[in-house]
Amino acid sequence: MRKYLIISLLILALSHGVEAQADALQNQSPKLGESTNPSKELIALEQFLRMPEDQLAAMADAIDRVRNMSPQERRKLEQQISAYRKLPAMQREQIRLGWHSEQDWKDWREMMSGLAEEERAAIQSTLQAMPFKERADHKHKLLEAWRAGKGKGK
């Protein structure tokens, strides 16, 4: 289930720049044999042209994963996305930023506040240089190491 949540969050995060266009097009999907509105295609294309290469690559990977899903897996992912959209804004933001739980976010704040300014700056610099997925994984590794050192081991 975590795999599909990550995929759905990746798609949501990457589509942030075209979210307004996606919402407008949501109920206007073309039927087989029909073409979409060329002006809407151009808007979407312009958004893609402005995306950094790493975001385009991540989006292509997500699209490939969706193409390889069974119809049941696609329905399950749609349900997960629907459930995500029903969450309170703060909880959606935490998930979007890569937090698995509110406790992760709270522990991160506690961990970072206990570090020297130089250590915090070094961590932030390292994280900002990483792609989104690697950044989230790295944050969780740091958090788990901090918890183990404090005896929390959650």
C-alpha atoms as a PDB file:
ATOM      1  CA  MET A   1       0.000   0.000   0.000  1.00  0.00           C
ATOM      2  CA  ARG A   2       2.875   2.364   0.808  1.00  0.00           C
ATOM      3  CA  LYS A   3       4.163   1.907  -2.765  1.00  0.00           C
ATOM      4  CA  TYR A   4       0.902   3.179  -4.223  1.00  0.00           C
ATOM      5  CA  LEU A   5       0.667   6.039  -1.757  1.00  0.00           C
ATOM      6  CA  ILE A   6       4.167   7.120  -2.758  1.00  0.00           C
ATOM      7  CA  ILE A   7       3.211   6.940  -6.435  1.00  0.00           C
ATOM      8  CA  SER A   8       0.050   8.949  -5.841  1.00  0.00           C
ATOM      9  CA  LEU A   9       1.922  11.542  -3.826  1.00  0.00           C
ATOM     10  CA  LEU A  10       4.607  11.760  -6.469  1.00  0.00           C
ATOM     11  CA  ILE A  11       1.994  12.375  -9.122  1.00  0.00           C
ATOM     12  CA  LEU A  12       0.312  14.996  -6.921  1.00  0.00           C
ATOM     13  CA  ALA A  13       3.593  16.721  -6.147  1.00  0.00           C
ATOM     14  CA  LEU A  14       4.748  16.758  -9.740  1.00  0.00           C
ATOM     15  CA  SER A  15       1.437  17.944 -11.074  1.00  0.00           C
ATOM     16  CA  HIS A  16       1.337  20.910  -8.696  1.00  0.00           C
ATOM     17  CA  GLY A  17       2.182  23.305 -11.549  1.00  0.00           C
ATOM     18  CA  VAL A  18      -0.584  21.986 -13.789  1.00  0.00           C
ATOM     19  CA  GLU A  19      -3.149  21.357 -11.059  1.00  0.00           C
ATOM     20  CA  ALA A  20      -5.496  24.088 -12.269  1.00  0.00           C
ATOM     21  CA  GLN A  21      -5.446  22.703 -15.801  1.00  0.00           C
ATOM     22  CA  ALA A  22      -5.974  19.152 -14.521  1.00  0.00           C
ATOM     23  CA  ASP A  23      -8.977  20.238 -12.463  1.00  0.00           C
ATOM     24  CA  ALA A  24     -10.467  22.001 -15.473  1.00  0.00           C
ATOM     25  CA  LEU A  25      -9.919  18.952 -17.657  1.00  0.00           C
ATOM     26  CA  GLN A  26     -10.953  16.351 -15.064  1.00  0.00           C
ATOM     27  CA  ASN A  27     -14.464  15.822 -16.405  1.00  0.00           C
ATOM     28  CA  GLN A  28     -13.560  16.540 -20.010  1.00  0.00           C
ATOM     29  CA  SER A  29     -11.427  13.506 -20.853  1.00  0.00           C
ATOM     30  CA  PRO A  30     -11.624  12.751 -24.574  1.00  0.00           C
ATOM     31  CA  LYS A  31     -13.432   9.620 -25.645  1.00  0.00           C
ATOM     32  CA  LEU A  32     -11.669   7.097 -27.811  1.00  0.00           C
ATOM     33  CA  GLY A  33     -11.066   8.612 -31.238  1.00  0.00           C
ATOM     34  CA  GLU A  34     -11.672  12.215 -30.137  1.00  0.00           C
ATOM     35  CA  SER A  35      -8.895  14.761 -29.708  1.00  0.00           C
ATOM     36  CA  THR A  36      -8.537  17.148 -26.811  1.00  0.00           C
ATOM     37  CA  ASN A  37      -8.744  20.900 -27.147  1.00  0.00           C
ATOM     38  CA  PRO A  38      -5.459  22.007 -28.795  1.00  0.00           C
ATOM     39  CA  SER A  39      -5.234  25.144 -26.641  1.00  0.00           C
ATOM     40  CA  LYS A  40      -5.432  23.025 -23.472  1.00  0.00           C
ATOM     41  CA  GLU A  41      -2.752  20.734 -24.866  1.00  0.00           C
ATOM     42  CA  LEU A  42      -0.538  23.771 -25.447  1.00  0.00           C
ATOM     43  CA  ILE A  43      -1.062  24.973 -21.874  1.00  0.00           C
ATOM     44  CA  ALA A  44      -0.025  21.574 -20.545  1.00  0.00           C
ATOM     45  CA  LEU A  45       2.936  21.402 -22.942  1.00  0.00           C
ATOM     46  CA  GLU A  46       4.136  24.834 -21.815  1.00  0.00           C
ATOM     47  CA  GLN A  47       4.020  23.635 -18.210  1.00  0.00           C
ATOM     48  CA  PHE A  48       6.086  20.565 -19.096  1.00  0.00           C
ATOM     49  CA  LEU A  49       8.626  22.688 -20.994  1.00  0.00           C
ATOM     50  CA  ARG A  50       9.229  24.736 -17.843  1.00  0.00           C
ATOM     51  CA  MET A  51       9.773  21.685 -15.618  1.00  0.00           C
ATOM     52  CA  PRO A  52      13.292  20.740 -14.569  1.00  0.00           C
ATOM     53  CA  GLU A  53      14.644  17.537 -16.073  1.00  0.00           C
ATOM     54  CA  ASP A  54      14.492  15.608 -12.783  1.00  0.00           C
ATOM     55  CA  GLN A  55      10.770  16.364 -12.422  1.00  0.00           C
ATOM     56  CA  LEU A  56      10.108  15.287 -16.010  1.00  0.00           C
ATOM     57  CA  ALA A  57      12.015  12.043 -15.411  1.00  0.00           C
ATOM     58  CA  ALA A  58      10.101  11.386 -12.192  1.00  0.00           C
ATOM     59  CA  MET A  59       6.822  12.066 -13.979  1.00  0.00           C
ATOM     60  CA  ALA A  60       7.780   9.695 -16.809  1.00  0.00           C
ATOM     61  CA  ASP A  61       8.601   7.019 -14.210  1.00  0.00           C
ATOM     62  CA  ALA A  62       5.231   7.560 -12.519  1.00  0.00           C
ATOM     63  CA  ILE A  63       3.426   7.311 -15.861  1.00  0.00           C
ATOM     64  CA  ASP A  64       5.266   4.067 -16.642  1.00  0.00           C
ATOM     65  CA  ARG A  65       4.220   2.659 -13.253  1.00  0.00           C
ATOM     66  CA  VAL A  66       0.599   3.592 -13.932  1.00  0.00           C
ATOM     67  CA  ARG A  67       0.743   1.970 -17.373  1.00  0.00           C
ATOM     68  CA  ASN A  68       2.001  -1.236 -15.764  1.00  0.00           C
ATOM     69  CA  MET A  69      -0.806  -1.340 -13.191  1.00  0.00           C
ATOM     70  CA  SER A  70      -3.656  -3.779 -13.441  1.00  0.00           C
ATOM     71  CA  PRO A  71      -7.200  -2.336 -13.557  1.00  0.00           C
ATOM     72  CA  GLN A  72      -7.621  -3.359  -9.901  1.00  0.00           C
ATOM     73  CA  GLU A  73      -4.426  -1.566  -8.906  1.00  0.00           C
ATOM     74  CA  ARG A  74      -5.571   1.566 -10.760  1.00  0.00           C
ATOM     75  CA  ARG A  75      -8.931   1.532  -8.961  1.00  0.00           C
ATOM     76  CA  LYS A  76      -7.163   1.090  -5.615  1.00  0.00           C
ATOM     77  CA  LEU A  77      -4.864   4.022  -6.384  1.00  0.00           C
ATOM     78  CA  GLU A  78      -7.846   6.176  -7.362  1.00  0.00           C
ATOM     79  CA  GLN A  79      -9.447   5.336  -4.006  1.00  0.00           C
ATOM     80  CA  GLN A  80      -6.246   6.269  -2.181  1.00  0.00           C
ATOM     81  CA  ILE A  81      -6.060   9.587  -4.027  1.00  0.00           C
ATOM     82  CA  SER A  82      -9.699  10.250  -3.176  1.00  0.00           C
ATOM     83  CA  ALA A  83      -9.007   9.494   0.493  1.00  0.00           C
ATOM     84  CA  TYR A  84      -5.947  11.781   0.378  1.00  0.00           C
ATOM     85  CA  ARG A  85      -8.011  14.658  -0.994  1.00  0.00           C
ATOM     86  CA  LYS A  86     -10.485  14.254   1.882  1.00  0.00           C
ATOM     87  CA  LEU A  87      -7.753  14.684   4.520  1.00  0.00           C
ATOM     88  CA  PRO A  88      -7.429  17.996   6.373  1.00  0.00           C
ATOM     89  CA  ALA A  89      -5.104  20.468   4.652  1.00  0.00           C
ATOM     90  CA  MET A  90      -2.370  20.179   7.312  1.00  0.00           C
ATOM     91  CA  GLN A  91      -2.260  16.399   7.028  1.00  0.00           C
ATOM     92  CA  ARG A  92      -2.125  16.578   3.200  1.00  0.00           C
ATOM     93  CA  GLU A  93       0.747  19.049   3.455  1.00  0.00           C
ATOM     94  CA  GLN A  94       2.681  16.729   5.787  1.00  0.00           C
ATOM     95  CA  ILE A  95       2.218  13.829   3.390  1.00  0.00           C
ATOM     96  CA  ARG A  96       3.124  15.982   0.394  1.00  0.00           C
ATOM     97  CA  LEU A  97       6.341  16.992   2.126  1.00  0.00           C
ATOM     98  CA  GLY A  98       7.231  13.343   2.702  1.00  0.00           C
ATOM     99  CA  TRP A  99       6.137  12.840   6.298  1.00  0.00           C
ATOM    100  CA  HIS A 100       4.585   9.474   7.102  1.00  0.00           C
ATOM    101  CA  SER A 101       2.868  10.729  10.222  1.00  0.00           C
ATOM    102  CA  GLU A 102       2.332  13.793  12.341  1.00  0.00           C
ATOM    103  CA  GLN A 103       4.723  12.239  14.865  1.00  0.00           C
ATOM    104  CA  ASP A 104       7.480  12.181  12.218  1.00  0.00           C
ATOM    105  CA  TRP A 105       6.981  15.896  11.651  1.00  0.00           C
ATOM    106  CA  LYS A 106       6.991  16.662  15.393  1.00  0.00           C
ATOM    107  CA  ASP A 107      10.102  14.540  15.988  1.00  0.00           C
ATOM    108  CA  TRP A 108      11.868  16.241  13.049  1.00  0.00           C
ATOM    109  CA  ARG A 109      11.202  19.646  14.571  1.00  0.00           C
ATOM    110  CA  GLU A 110      12.491  18.446  17.955  1.00  0.00           C
ATOM    111  CA  MET A 111      15.565  16.877  16.367  1.00  0.00           C
ATOM    112  CA  MET A 112      16.407  19.965  14.325  1.00  0.00           C
ATOM    113  CA  SER A 113      15.856  22.360  17.230  1.00  0.00           C
ATOM    114  CA  GLY A 114      18.374  20.376  19.291  1.00  0.00           C
ATOM    115  CA  LEU A 115      21.133  20.788  16.706  1.00  0.00           C
ATOM    116  CA  ALA A 116      23.681  23.560  16.427  1.00  0.00           C
ATOM    117  CA  GLU A 117      23.008  26.165  13.746  1.00  0.00           C
ATOM    118  CA  GLU A 118      25.866  24.818  11.598  1.00  0.00           C
ATOM    119  CA  GLU A 119      24.488  21.273  11.729  1.00  0.00           C
ATOM    120  CA  ARG A 120      20.974  22.448  10.803  1.00  0.00           C
ATOM    121  CA  ALA A 121      22.349  24.481   7.911  1.00  0.00           C
ATOM    122  CA  ALA A 122      24.395  21.511   6.648  1.00  0.00           C
ATOM    123  CA  ILE A 123      21.360  19.205   6.780  1.00  0.00           C
ATOM    124  CA  GLN A 124      19.143  21.751   5.008  1.00  0.00           C
ATOM    125  CA  SER A 125      21.778  22.335   2.322  1.00  0.00           C
ATOM    126  CA  THR A 126      22.139  18.589   1.733  1.00  0.00           C
ATOM    127  CA  LEU A 127      18.365  18.089   1.565  1.00  0.00           C
ATOM    128  CA  GLN A 128      17.812  20.988  -0.836  1.00  0.00           C
ATOM    129  CA  ALA A 129      20.360  19.532  -3.253  1.00  0.00           C
ATOM    130  CA  MET A 130      18.500  16.195  -3.437  1.00  0.00           C
ATOM    131  CA  PRO A 131      15.573  15.167  -5.643  1.00  0.00           C
ATOM    132  CA  PHE A 132      12.251  14.892  -3.786  1.00  0.00           C
ATOM    133  CA  LYS A 133      12.232  11.103  -3.279  1.00  0.00           C
ATOM    134  CA  GLU A 134      15.831  10.976  -2.085  1.00  0.00           C
ATOM    135  CA  ARG A 135      15.164  13.960   0.185  1.00  0.00           C
ATOM    136  CA  ALA A 136      12.251  12.227   1.909  1.00  0.00           C
ATOM    137  CA  ASP A 137      14.241   8.994   2.326  1.00  0.00           C
ATOM    138  CA  HIS A 138      17.231  10.888   3.726  1.00  0.00           C
ATOM    139  CA  LYS A 139      15.037  12.800   6.194  1.00  0.00           C
ATOM    140  CA  HIS A 140      13.591   9.532   7.454  1.00  0.00           C
ATOM    141  CA  LYS A 141      17.043   7.957   7.828  1.00  0.00           C
ATOM    142  CA  LEU A 142      18.207  10.957   9.861  1.00  0.00           C
ATOM    143  CA  LEU A 143      15.048  10.830  11.932  1.00  0.00           C
ATOM    144  CA  GLU A 144      15.363   7.092  12.611  1.00  0.00           C
ATOM    145  CA  ALA A 145      19.011   7.523  13.652  1.00  0.00           C
ATOM    146  CA  TRP A 146      18.003  10.352  16.000  1.00  0.00           C
ATOM    147  CA  ARG A 147      15.193   8.246  17.478  1.00  0.00           C
ATOM    148  CA  ALA A 148      17.534   5.283  17.981  1.00  0.00           C
ATOM    149  CA  GLY A 149      19.974   7.583  19.794  1.00  0.00           C
ATOM    150  CA  LYS A 150      17.182   8.835  22.037  1.00  0.00           C
ATOM    151  CA  GLY A 151      15.882   5.305  22.635  1.00  0.00           C
ATOM    152  CA  LYS A 152      12.589   6.013  20.864  1.00  0.00           C
ATOM    153  CA  GLY A 153      13.066   3.578  17.979  1.00  0.00           C
ATOM    154  CA  LYS A 154       9.588   4.220  16.575  1.00  0.00           C
END
